[in-house]
Amino acid sequence: MAAQNGRAVPAAVAEKLYAATDLIAARGLQNTKIEDIATASGVPKATLYYYFKGKDDILAFLLRDSLDALARDVPRPPMARGRAAIDWQPWSGSRWLTP
């Protein structure tokens, strides 16, 4: 996935960044320094600045990445089941409209 600066964030960096989520949640983003994120994640500060504009960008990336992963994991219903639900419309048949 790409950060806001357009650079693709390597999977190894993205995975390490998740180690900083507990820190950000505990302190709040305002009270967390980029150095704290670097220490908690094991990603060098220079690398963070290469891929991200700042800690707001890091948090936005983590949220987008999490939502993308969730969307990939949610099973999609089979097309046949969806089509059957569309075709079955009890309110459209005349037998439902007459007593």
PDB file of N, CA and C in Angstrom:
ATOM      1  N   MET A   1       0.844  -1.175   0.000  1.00  0.00           N
ATOM      2  CA  MET A   1       0.000   0.000   0.000  1.00  0.00           C
ATOM      3  C   MET A   1       0.892   1.241   0.000  1.00  0.00           C
ATOM      4  N   ALA A   2       0.420   2.284  -0.630  1.00  0.00           N
ATOM      5  CA  ALA A   2       1.208   3.507  -0.729  1.00  0.00           C
ATOM      6  C   ALA A   2       0.842   4.482   0.386  1.00  0.00           C
ATOM      7  N   ALA A   3       1.838   5.192   0.855  1.00  0.00           N
ATOM      8  CA  ALA A   3       1.610   6.260   1.816  1.00  0.00           C
ATOM      9  C   ALA A   3       1.118   7.480   1.042  1.00  0.00           C
ATOM     10  N   GLN A   4       0.773   8.552   1.739  1.00  0.00           N
ATOM     11  CA  GLN A   4       0.237   9.737   1.078  1.00  0.00           C
ATOM     12  C   GLN A   4       1.247  10.399   0.147  1.00  0.00           C
ATOM     13  N   ASN A   5       2.530  10.158   0.356  1.00  0.00           N
ATOM     14  CA  ASN A   5       3.523  10.753  -0.526  1.00  0.00           C
ATOM     15  C   ASN A   5       3.679   9.958  -1.814  1.00  0.00           C
ATOM     16  N   GLY A   6       2.932   8.869  -1.949  1.00  0.00           N
ATOM     17  CA  GLY A   6       2.947   8.084  -3.172  1.00  0.00           C
ATOM     18  C   GLY A   6       3.949   6.952  -3.197  1.00  0.00           C
ATOM     19  N   ARG A   7       4.802   6.859  -2.209  1.00  0.00           N
ATOM     20  CA  ARG A   7       5.775   5.765  -2.168  1.00  0.00           C
ATOM     21  C   ARG A   7       5.119   4.515  -1.601  1.00  0.00           C
ATOM     22  N   ALA A   8       5.392   3.398  -2.225  1.00  0.00           N
ATOM     23  CA  ALA A   8       4.845   2.131  -1.736  1.00  0.00           C
ATOM     24  C   ALA A   8       5.584   1.720  -0.468  1.00  0.00           C
ATOM     25  N   VAL A   9       4.834   1.469   0.576  1.00  0.00           N
ATOM     26  CA  VAL A   9       5.416   1.057   1.855  1.00  0.00           C
ATOM     27  C   VAL A   9       5.639  -0.451   1.804  1.00  0.00           C
ATOM     28  N   PRO A  10       6.886  -0.892   1.988  1.00  0.00           N
ATOM     29  CA  PRO A  10       7.150  -2.336   1.973  1.00  0.00           C
ATOM     30  C   PRO A  10       6.373  -3.053   3.078  1.00  0.00           C
ATOM     31  N   ALA A  11       5.990  -4.282   2.799  1.00  0.00           N
ATOM     32  CA  ALA A  11       5.221  -5.066   3.770  1.00  0.00           C
ATOM     33  C   ALA A  11       5.958  -5.199   5.097  1.00  0.00           C
ATOM     34  N   ALA A  12       7.274  -5.345   5.049  1.00  0.00           N
ATOM     35  CA  ALA A  12       8.056  -5.495   6.287  1.00  0.00           C
ATOM     36  C   ALA A  12       7.946  -4.247   7.158  1.00  0.00           C
ATOM     37  N   VAL A  13       7.956  -3.074   6.546  1.00  0.00           N
ATOM     38  CA  VAL A  13       7.824  -1.821   7.299  1.00  0.00           C
ATOM     39  C   VAL A  13       6.404  -1.708   7.849  1.00  0.00           C
ATOM     40  N   ALA A  14       5.419  -2.015   7.017  1.00  0.00           N
ATOM     41  CA  ALA A  14       4.021  -1.927   7.452  1.00  0.00           C
ATOM     42  C   ALA A  14       3.763  -2.839   8.645  1.00  0.00           C
ATOM     43  N   GLU A  15       4.264  -4.055   8.587  1.00  0.00           N
ATOM     44  CA  GLU A  15       4.065  -5.004   9.692  1.00  0.00           C
ATOM     45  C   GLU A  15       4.688  -4.492  10.979  1.00  0.00           C
ATOM     46  N   LYS A  16       5.882  -3.928  10.884  1.00  0.00           N
ATOM     47  CA  LYS A  16       6.555  -3.419  12.084  1.00  0.00           C
ATOM     48  C   LYS A  16       5.816  -2.231  12.690  1.00  0.00           C
ATOM     49  N   LEU A  17       5.179  -1.428  11.848  1.00  0.00           N
ATOM     50  CA  LEU A  17       4.477  -0.248  12.350  1.00  0.00           C
ATOM     51  C   LEU A  17       3.333  -0.600  13.291  1.00  0.00           C
ATOM     52  N   TYR A  18       2.757  -1.772  13.098  1.00  0.00           N
ATOM     53  CA  TYR A  18       1.647  -2.171  13.966  1.00  0.00           C
ATOM     54  C   TYR A  18       2.078  -2.313  15.420  1.00  0.00           C
ATOM     55  N   ALA A  19       3.361  -2.489  15.668  1.00  0.00           N
ATOM     56  CA  ALA A  19       3.861  -2.571  17.045  1.00  0.00           C
ATOM     57  C   ALA A  19       3.675  -1.243  17.782  1.00  0.00           C
ATOM     58  N   ALA A  20       3.551  -0.159  17.050  1.00  0.00           N
ATOM     59  CA  ALA A  20       3.403   1.156  17.668  1.00  0.00           C
ATOM     60  C   ALA A  20       1.946   1.520  17.943  1.00  0.00           C
ATOM     61  N   THR A  21       1.008   0.699  17.509  1.00  0.00           N
ATOM     62  CA  THR A  21      -0.402   1.063  17.689  1.00  0.00           C
ATOM     63  C   THR A  21      -0.817   1.108  19.158  1.00  0.00           C
ATOM     64  N   ASP A  22      -0.308   0.203  19.965  1.00  0.00           N
ATOM     65  CA  ASP A  22      -0.636   0.230  21.397  1.00  0.00           C
ATOM     66  C   ASP A  22      -0.113   1.508  22.049  1.00  0.00           C
ATOM     67  N   LEU A  23       1.082   1.909  21.643  1.00  0.00           N
ATOM     68  CA  LEU A  23       1.680   3.134  22.172  1.00  0.00           C
ATOM     69  C   LEU A  23       0.832   4.351  21.797  1.00  0.00           C
ATOM     70  N   ILE A  24       0.436   4.422  20.540  1.00  0.00           N
ATOM     71  CA  ILE A  24      -0.383   5.544  20.074  1.00  0.00           C
ATOM     72  C   ILE A  24      -1.729   5.541  20.790  1.00  0.00           C
ATOM     73  N   ALA A  25      -2.310   4.362  20.970  1.00  0.00           N
ATOM     74  CA  ALA A  25      -3.600   4.267  21.661  1.00  0.00           C
ATOM     75  C   ALA A  25      -3.482   4.697  23.121  1.00  0.00           C
ATOM     76  N   ALA A  26      -2.395   4.330  23.767  1.00  0.00           N
ATOM     77  CA  ALA A  26      -2.211   4.656  25.183  1.00  0.00           C
ATOM     78  C   ALA A  26      -1.923   6.141  25.402  1.00  0.00           C
ATOM     79  N   ARG A  27      -1.073   6.710  24.572  1.00  0.00           N
ATOM     80  CA  ARG A  27      -0.659   8.103  24.761  1.00  0.00           C
ATOM     81  C   ARG A  27      -1.507   9.106  23.994  1.00  0.00           C
ATOM     82  N   GLY A  28      -2.111   8.643  22.919  1.00  0.00           N
ATOM     83  CA  GLY A  28      -2.774   9.571  22.007  1.00  0.00           C
ATOM     84  C   GLY A  28      -1.762  10.047  20.982  1.00  0.00           C
ATOM     85  N   LEU A  29      -2.231  10.381  19.813  1.00  0.00           N
ATOM     86  CA  LEU A  29      -1.323  10.777  18.738  1.00  0.00           C
ATOM     87  C   LEU A  29      -0.576  12.062  19.076  1.00  0.00           C
ATOM     88  N   GLN A  30      -1.260  13.001  19.722  1.00  0.00           N
ATOM     89  CA  GLN A  30      -0.628  14.287  20.059  1.00  0.00           C
ATOM     90  C   GLN A  30       0.559  14.112  21.004  1.00  0.00           C
ATOM     91  N   ASN A  31       0.476  13.134  21.896  1.00  0.00           N
ATOM     92  CA  ASN A  31       1.532  12.926  22.887  1.00  0.00           C
ATOM     93  C   ASN A  31       2.548  11.865  22.483  1.00  0.00           C
ATOM     94  N   THR A  32       2.455  11.391  21.262  1.00  0.00           N
ATOM     95  CA  THR A  32       3.400  10.400  20.752  1.00  0.00           C
ATOM     96  C   THR A  32       4.308  11.076  19.739  1.00  0.00           C
ATOM     97  N   LYS A  33       5.596  10.950  19.934  1.00  0.00           N
ATOM     98  CA  LYS A  33       6.567  11.536  19.002  1.00  0.00           C
ATOM     99  C   LYS A  33       6.927  10.518  17.931  1.00  0.00           C
ATOM    100  N   ILE A  34       7.394  11.015  16.812  1.00  0.00           N
ATOM    101  CA  ILE A  34       7.829  10.126  15.736  1.00  0.00           C
ATOM    102  C   ILE A  34       8.969   9.231  16.219  1.00  0.00           C
ATOM    103  N   GLU A  35       9.786   9.744  17.138  1.00  0.00           N
ATOM    104  CA  GLU A  35      10.869   8.947  17.717  1.00  0.00           C
ATOM    105  C   GLU A  35      10.307   7.769  18.519  1.00  0.00           C
ATOM    106  N   ASP A  36       9.187   8.008  19.207  1.00  0.00           N
ATOM    107  CA  ASP A  36       8.538   6.938  19.971  1.00  0.00           C
ATOM    108  C   ASP A  36       8.026   5.841  19.041  1.00  0.00           C
ATOM    109  N   ILE A  37       7.463   6.249  17.918  1.00  0.00           N
ATOM    110  CA  ILE A  37       6.967   5.281  16.932  1.00  0.00           C
ATOM    111  C   ILE A  37       8.134   4.486  16.364  1.00  0.00           C
ATOM    112  N   ALA A  38       9.237   5.169  16.090  1.00  0.00           N
ATOM    113  CA  ALA A  38      10.426   4.492  15.561  1.00  0.00           C
ATOM    114  C   ALA A  38      10.952   3.469  16.565  1.00  0.00           C
ATOM    115  N   THR A  39      11.019   3.848  17.824  1.00  0.00           N
ATOM    116  CA  THR A  39      11.517   2.938  18.857  1.00  0.00           C
ATOM    117  C   THR A  39      10.584   1.740  19.040  1.00  0.00           C
ATOM    118  N   ALA A  40       9.285   2.007  19.129  1.00  0.00           N
ATOM    119  CA  ALA A  40       8.319   0.929  19.359  1.00  0.00           C
ATOM    120  C   ALA A  40       8.243  -0.046  18.189  1.00  0.00           C
ATOM    121  N   SER A  41       8.405   0.471  16.975  1.00  0.00           N
ATOM    122  CA  SER A  41       8.257  -0.381  15.792  1.00  0.00           C
ATOM    123  C   SER A  41       9.563  -1.002  15.323  1.00  0.00           C
ATOM    124  N   GLY A  42      10.673  -0.396  15.707  1.00  0.00           N
ATOM    125  CA  GLY A  42      11.960  -0.877  15.218  1.00  0.00           C
ATOM    126  C   GLY A  42      12.281  -0.381  13.821  1.00  0.00           C
ATOM    127  N   VAL A  43      11.491   0.550  13.329  1.00  0.00           N
ATOM    128  CA  VAL A  43      11.737   1.154  12.017  1.00  0.00           C
ATOM    129  C   VAL A  43      12.516   2.446  12.252  1.00  0.00           C
ATOM    130  N   PRO A  44      13.665   2.607  11.606  1.00  0.00           N
ATOM    131  CA  PRO A  44      14.447   3.829  11.809  1.00  0.00           C
ATOM    132  C   PRO A  44      13.644   5.093  11.481  1.00  0.00           C
ATOM    133  N   LYS A  45      13.911   6.143  12.227  1.00  0.00           N
ATOM    134  CA  LYS A  45      13.211   7.412  12.047  1.00  0.00           C
ATOM    135  C   LYS A  45      13.348   7.923  10.614  1.00  0.00           C
ATOM    136  N   ALA A  46      14.521   7.795  10.036  1.00  0.00           N
ATOM    137  CA  ALA A  46      14.738   8.250   8.654  1.00  0.00           C
ATOM    138  C   ALA A  46      13.853   7.481   7.674  1.00  0.00           C
ATOM    139  N   THR A  47      13.668   6.199   7.932  1.00  0.00           N
ATOM    140  CA  THR A  47      12.807   5.382   7.070  1.00  0.00           C
ATOM    141  C   THR A  47      11.357   5.837   7.196  1.00  0.00           C
ATOM    142  N   LEU A  48      10.933   6.154   8.403  1.00  0.00           N
ATOM    143  CA  LEU A  48       9.571   6.654   8.592  1.00  0.00           C
ATOM    144  C   LEU A  48       9.351   7.933   7.798  1.00  0.00           C
ATOM    145  N   TYR A  49      10.311   8.850   7.865  1.00  0.00           N
ATOM    146  CA  TYR A  49      10.178  10.103   7.126  1.00  0.00           C
ATOM    147  C   TYR A  49      10.303   9.904   5.616  1.00  0.00           C
ATOM    148  N   TYR A  50      10.955   8.851   5.181  1.00  0.00           N
ATOM    149  CA  TYR A  50      11.048   8.556   3.751  1.00  0.00           C
ATOM    150  C   TYR A  50       9.666   8.171   3.201  1.00  0.00           C
ATOM    151  N   TYR A  51       8.921   7.398   3.979  1.00  0.00           N
ATOM    152  CA  TYR A  51       7.622   6.915   3.514  1.00  0.00           C
ATOM    153  C   TYR A  51       6.438   7.771   3.968  1.00  0.00           C
ATOM    154  N   PHE A  52       6.598   8.506   5.049  1.00  0.00           N
ATOM    155  CA  PHE A  52       5.478   9.250   5.621  1.00  0.00           C
ATOM    156  C   PHE A  52       5.863  10.696   5.895  1.00  0.00           C
ATOM    157  N   LYS A  53       4.872  11.593   5.792  1.00  0.00           N
ATOM    158  CA  LYS A  53       5.105  13.010   6.070  1.00  0.00           C
ATOM    159  C   LYS A  53       5.220  13.282   7.569  1.00  0.00           C
ATOM    160  N   GLY A  54       4.578  12.453   8.357  1.00  0.00           N
ATOM    161  CA  GLY A  54       4.598  12.631   9.804  1.00  0.00           C
ATOM    162  C   GLY A  54       3.738  11.574  10.471  1.00  0.00           C
ATOM    163  N   LYS A  55       3.517  11.747  11.758  1.00  0.00           N
ATOM    164  CA  LYS A  55       2.786  10.728  12.511  1.00  0.00           C
ATOM    165  C   LYS A  55       1.313  10.651  12.107  1.00  0.00           C
ATOM    166  N   ASP A  56       0.730  11.763  11.659  1.00  0.00           N
ATOM    167  CA  ASP A  56      -0.649  11.722  11.159  1.00  0.00           C
ATOM    168  C   ASP A  56      -0.746  10.813   9.940  1.00  0.00           C
ATOM    169  N   ASP A  57       0.237  10.911   9.078  1.00  0.00           N
ATOM    170  CA  ASP A  57       0.285  10.084   7.873  1.00  0.00           C
ATOM    171  C   ASP A  57       0.474   8.610   8.232  1.00  0.00           C
ATOM    172  N   ILE A  58       1.268   8.344   9.257  1.00  0.00           N
ATOM    173  CA  ILE A  58       1.474   6.958   9.710  1.00  0.00           C
ATOM    174  C   ILE A  58       0.160   6.380  10.225  1.00  0.00           C
ATOM    175  N   LEU A  59      -0.545   7.138  11.052  1.00  0.00           N
ATOM    176  CA  LEU A  59      -1.819   6.657  11.591  1.00  0.00           C
ATOM    177  C   LEU A  59      -2.838   6.444  10.471  1.00  0.00           C
ATOM    178  N   ALA A  60      -2.905   7.372   9.528  1.00  0.00           N
ATOM    179  CA  ALA A  60      -3.829   7.218   8.397  1.00  0.00           C
ATOM    180  C   ALA A  60      -3.488   5.967   7.594  1.00  0.00           C
ATOM    181  N   PHE A  61      -2.199   5.721   7.390  1.00  0.00           N
ATOM    182  CA  PHE A  61      -1.772   4.519   6.671  1.00  0.00           C
ATOM    183  C   PHE A  61      -2.217   3.262   7.411  1.00  0.00           C
ATOM    184  N   LEU A  62      -2.000   3.229   8.723  1.00  0.00           N
ATOM    185  CA  LEU A  62      -2.374   2.052   9.511  1.00  0.00           C
ATOM    186  C   LEU A  62      -3.881   1.799   9.469  1.00  0.00           C
ATOM    187  N   LEU A  63      -4.659   2.860   9.530  1.00  0.00           N
ATOM    188  CA  LEU A  63      -6.110   2.704   9.464  1.00  0.00           C
ATOM    189  C   LEU A  63      -6.546   2.189   8.095  1.00  0.00           C
ATOM    190  N   ARG A  64      -5.999   2.789   7.026  1.00  0.00           N
ATOM    191  CA  ARG A  64      -6.346   2.330   5.669  1.00  0.00           C
ATOM    192  C   ARG A  64      -5.916   0.889   5.455  1.00  0.00           C
ATOM    193  N   ASP A  65      -4.712   0.556   5.908  1.00  0.00           N
ATOM    194  CA  ASP A  65      -4.196  -0.798   5.733  1.00  0.00           C
ATOM    195  C   ASP A  65      -5.065  -1.809   6.488  1.00  0.00           C
ATOM    196  N   SER A  66      -5.485  -1.447   7.692  1.00  0.00           N
ATOM    197  CA  SER A  66      -6.350  -2.330   8.483  1.00  0.00           C
ATOM    198  C   SER A  66      -7.704  -2.527   7.813  1.00  0.00           C
ATOM    199  N   LEU A  67      -8.282  -1.444   7.315  1.00  0.00           N
ATOM    200  CA  LEU A  67      -9.578  -1.552   6.645  1.00  0.00           C
ATOM    201  C   LEU A  67      -9.480  -2.346   5.349  1.00  0.00           C
ATOM    202  N   ASP A  68      -8.389  -2.160   4.613  1.00  0.00           N
ATOM    203  CA  ASP A  68      -8.181  -2.945   3.389  1.00  0.00           C
ATOM    204  C   ASP A  68      -8.065  -4.430   3.715  1.00  0.00           C
ATOM    205  N   ALA A  69      -7.337  -4.755   4.778  1.00  0.00           N
ATOM    206  CA  ALA A  69      -7.188  -6.157   5.182  1.00  0.00           C
ATOM    207  C   ALA A  69      -8.530  -6.738   5.610  1.00  0.00           C
ATOM    208  N   LEU A  70      -9.313  -5.960   6.325  1.00  0.00           N
ATOM    209  CA  LEU A  70     -10.633  -6.414   6.751  1.00  0.00           C
ATOM    210  C   LEU A  70     -11.529  -6.662   5.540  1.00  0.00           C
ATOM    211  N   ALA A  71     -11.498  -5.756   4.588  1.00  0.00           N
ATOM    212  CA  ALA A  71     -12.317  -5.915   3.382  1.00  0.00           C
ATOM    213  C   ALA A  71     -11.916  -7.164   2.600  1.00  0.00           C
ATOM    214  N   ARG A  72     -10.636  -7.468   2.586  1.00  0.00           N
ATOM    215  CA  ARG A  72     -10.178  -8.680   1.888  1.00  0.00           C
ATOM    216  C   ARG A  72     -10.621  -9.943   2.616  1.00  0.00           C
ATOM    217  N   ASP A  73     -10.735  -9.876   3.938  1.00  0.00           N
ATOM    218  CA  ASP A  73     -11.064 -11.057   4.734  1.00  0.00           C
ATOM    219  C   ASP A  73     -12.558 -11.349   4.829  1.00  0.00           C
ATOM    220  N   VAL A  74     -13.390 -10.371   4.547  1.00  0.00           N
ATOM    221  CA  VAL A  74     -14.829 -10.582   4.634  1.00  0.00           C
ATOM    222  C   VAL A  74     -15.257 -11.436   3.447  1.00  0.00           C
ATOM    223  N   PRO A  75     -15.884 -12.582   3.728  1.00  0.00           N
ATOM    224  CA  PRO A  75     -16.281 -13.456   2.615  1.00  0.00           C
ATOM    225  C   PRO A  75     -17.395 -12.813   1.796  1.00  0.00           C
ATOM    226  N   ARG A  76     -17.279 -12.961   0.518  1.00  0.00           N
ATOM    227  CA  ARG A  76     -18.302 -12.437  -0.379  1.00  0.00           C
ATOM    228  C   ARG A  76     -19.318 -13.549  -0.641  1.00  0.00           C
ATOM    229  N   PRO A  77     -20.593 -13.200  -0.660  1.00  0.00           N
ATOM    230  CA  PRO A  77     -21.592 -14.236  -0.911  1.00  0.00           C
ATOM    231  C   PRO A  77     -21.495 -14.729  -2.351  1.00  0.00           C
ATOM    232  N   PRO A  78     -21.793 -15.988  -2.562  1.00  0.00           N
ATOM    233  CA  PRO A  78     -21.777 -16.500  -3.929  1.00  0.00           C
ATOM    234  C   PRO A  78     -22.799 -15.754  -4.780  1.00  0.00           C
ATOM    235  N   MET A  79     -22.474 -15.562  -6.020  1.00  0.00           N
ATOM    236  CA  MET A  79     -23.356 -14.819  -6.913  1.00  0.00           C
ATOM    237  C   MET A  79     -24.729 -15.479  -7.012  1.00  0.00           C
ATOM    238  N   ALA A  80     -24.765 -16.803  -7.005  1.00  0.00           N
ATOM    239  CA  ALA A  80     -26.045 -17.503  -7.118  1.00  0.00           C
ATOM    240  C   ALA A  80     -26.963 -17.152  -5.952  1.00  0.00           C
ATOM    241  N   ARG A  81     -26.405 -17.063  -4.753  1.00  0.00           N
ATOM    242  CA  ARG A  81     -27.217 -16.738  -3.586  1.00  0.00           C
ATOM    243  C   ARG A  81     -27.739 -15.306  -3.693  1.00  0.00           C
ATOM    244  N   GLY A  82     -26.898 -14.416  -4.143  1.00  0.00           N
ATOM    245  CA  GLY A  82     -27.317 -13.031  -4.320  1.00  0.00           C
ATOM    246  C   GLY A  82     -28.377 -12.899  -5.399  1.00  0.00           C
ATOM    247  N   ARG A  83     -28.202 -13.622  -6.479  1.00  0.00           N
ATOM    248  CA  ARG A  83     -29.160 -13.585  -7.581  1.00  0.00           C
ATOM    249  C   ARG A  83     -30.506 -14.151  -7.135  1.00  0.00           C
ATOM    250  N   ALA A  84     -30.482 -15.214  -6.342  1.00  0.00           N
ATOM    251  CA  ALA A  84     -31.723 -15.815  -5.859  1.00  0.00           C
ATOM    252  C   ALA A  84     -32.494 -14.833  -4.983  1.00  0.00           C
ATOM    253  N   ALA A  85     -31.795 -14.073  -4.189  1.00  0.00           N
ATOM    254  CA  ALA A  85     -32.453 -13.088  -3.327  1.00  0.00           C
ATOM    255  C   ALA A  85     -33.104 -11.995  -4.154  1.00  0.00           C
ATOM    256  N   ILE A  86     -32.474 -11.628  -5.253  1.00  0.00           N
ATOM    257  CA  ILE A  86     -33.041 -10.601  -6.124  1.00  0.00           C
ATOM    258  C   ILE A  86     -34.267 -11.147  -6.857  1.00  0.00           C
ATOM    259  N   ASP A  87     -34.182 -12.391  -7.335  1.00  0.00           N
ATOM    260  CA  ASP A  87     -35.278 -12.992  -8.093  1.00  0.00           C
ATOM    261  C   ASP A  87     -36.499 -13.267  -7.221  1.00  0.00           C
ATOM    262  N   TRP A  88     -36.296 -13.581  -5.952  1.00  0.00           N
ATOM    263  CA  TRP A  88     -37.400 -13.905  -5.065  1.00  0.00           C
ATOM    264  C   TRP A  88     -37.943 -12.620  -4.473  1.00  0.00           C
ATOM    265  N   GLN A  89     -39.038 -12.165  -5.004  1.00  0.00           N
ATOM    266  CA  GLN A  89     -39.657 -10.936  -4.532  1.00  0.00           C
ATOM    267  C   GLN A  89     -41.120 -11.234  -4.221  1.00  0.00           C
ATOM    268  N   PRO A  90     -41.421 -11.629  -2.998  1.00  0.00           N
ATOM    269  CA  PRO A  90     -42.784 -12.047  -2.670  1.00  0.00           C
ATOM    270  C   PRO A  90     -43.817 -10.951  -2.870  1.00  0.00           C
ATOM    271  N   TRP A  91     -43.420  -9.704  -2.810  1.00  0.00           N
ATOM    272  CA  TRP A  91     -44.365  -8.611  -2.933  1.00  0.00           C
ATOM    273  C   TRP A  91     -44.753  -8.326  -4.380  1.00  0.00           C
ATOM    274  N   SER A  92     -44.032  -8.917  -5.342  1.00  0.00           N
ATOM    275  CA  SER A  92     -44.317  -8.604  -6.738  1.00  0.00           C
ATOM    276  C   SER A  92     -45.270  -9.594  -7.394  1.00  0.00           C
ATOM    277  N   GLY A  93     -45.500 -10.734  -6.768  1.00  0.00           N
ATOM    278  CA  GLY A  93     -46.393 -11.731  -7.356  1.00  0.00           C
ATOM    279  C   GLY A  93     -47.849 -11.389  -7.110  1.00  0.00           C
ATOM    280  N   SER A  94     -48.692 -11.663  -8.082  1.00  0.00           N
ATOM    281  CA  SER A  94     -50.112 -11.315  -7.953  1.00  0.00           C
ATOM    282  C   SER A  94     -50.781 -12.095  -6.824  1.00  0.00           C
ATOM    283  N   ARG A  95     -50.295 -13.286  -6.500  1.00  0.00           N
ATOM    284  CA  ARG A  95     -50.915 -14.061  -5.435  1.00  0.00           C
ATOM    285  C   ARG A  95     -50.774 -13.371  -4.086  1.00  0.00           C
ATOM    286  N   TRP A  96     -49.798 -12.489  -3.950  1.00  0.00           N
ATOM    287  CA  TRP A  96     -49.629 -11.762  -2.694  1.00  0.00           C
ATOM    288  C   TRP A  96     -50.528 -10.530  -2.645  1.00  0.00           C
ATOM    289  N   LEU A  97     -50.970 -10.108  -3.806  1.00  0.00           N
ATOM    290  CA  LEU A  97     -51.764  -8.891  -3.849  1.00  0.00           C
ATOM    291  C   LEU A  97     -53.262  -9.152  -3.719  1.00  0.00           C
ATOM    292  N   THR A  98     -53.695 -10.398  -3.966  1.00  0.00           N
ATOM    293  CA  THR A  98     -55.125 -10.716  -3.876  1.00  0.00           C
ATOM    294  C   THR A  98     -55.388 -11.536  -2.622  1.00  0.00           C
ATOM    295  N   PRO A  99     -56.556 -11.386  -2.015  1.00  0.00           N
ATOM    296  CA  PRO A  99     -56.868 -12.136  -0.795  1.00  0.00           C
ATOM    297  C   PRO A  99     -57.100 -13.600  -1.029  1.00  0.00           C
TER     298      PRO A  99
END
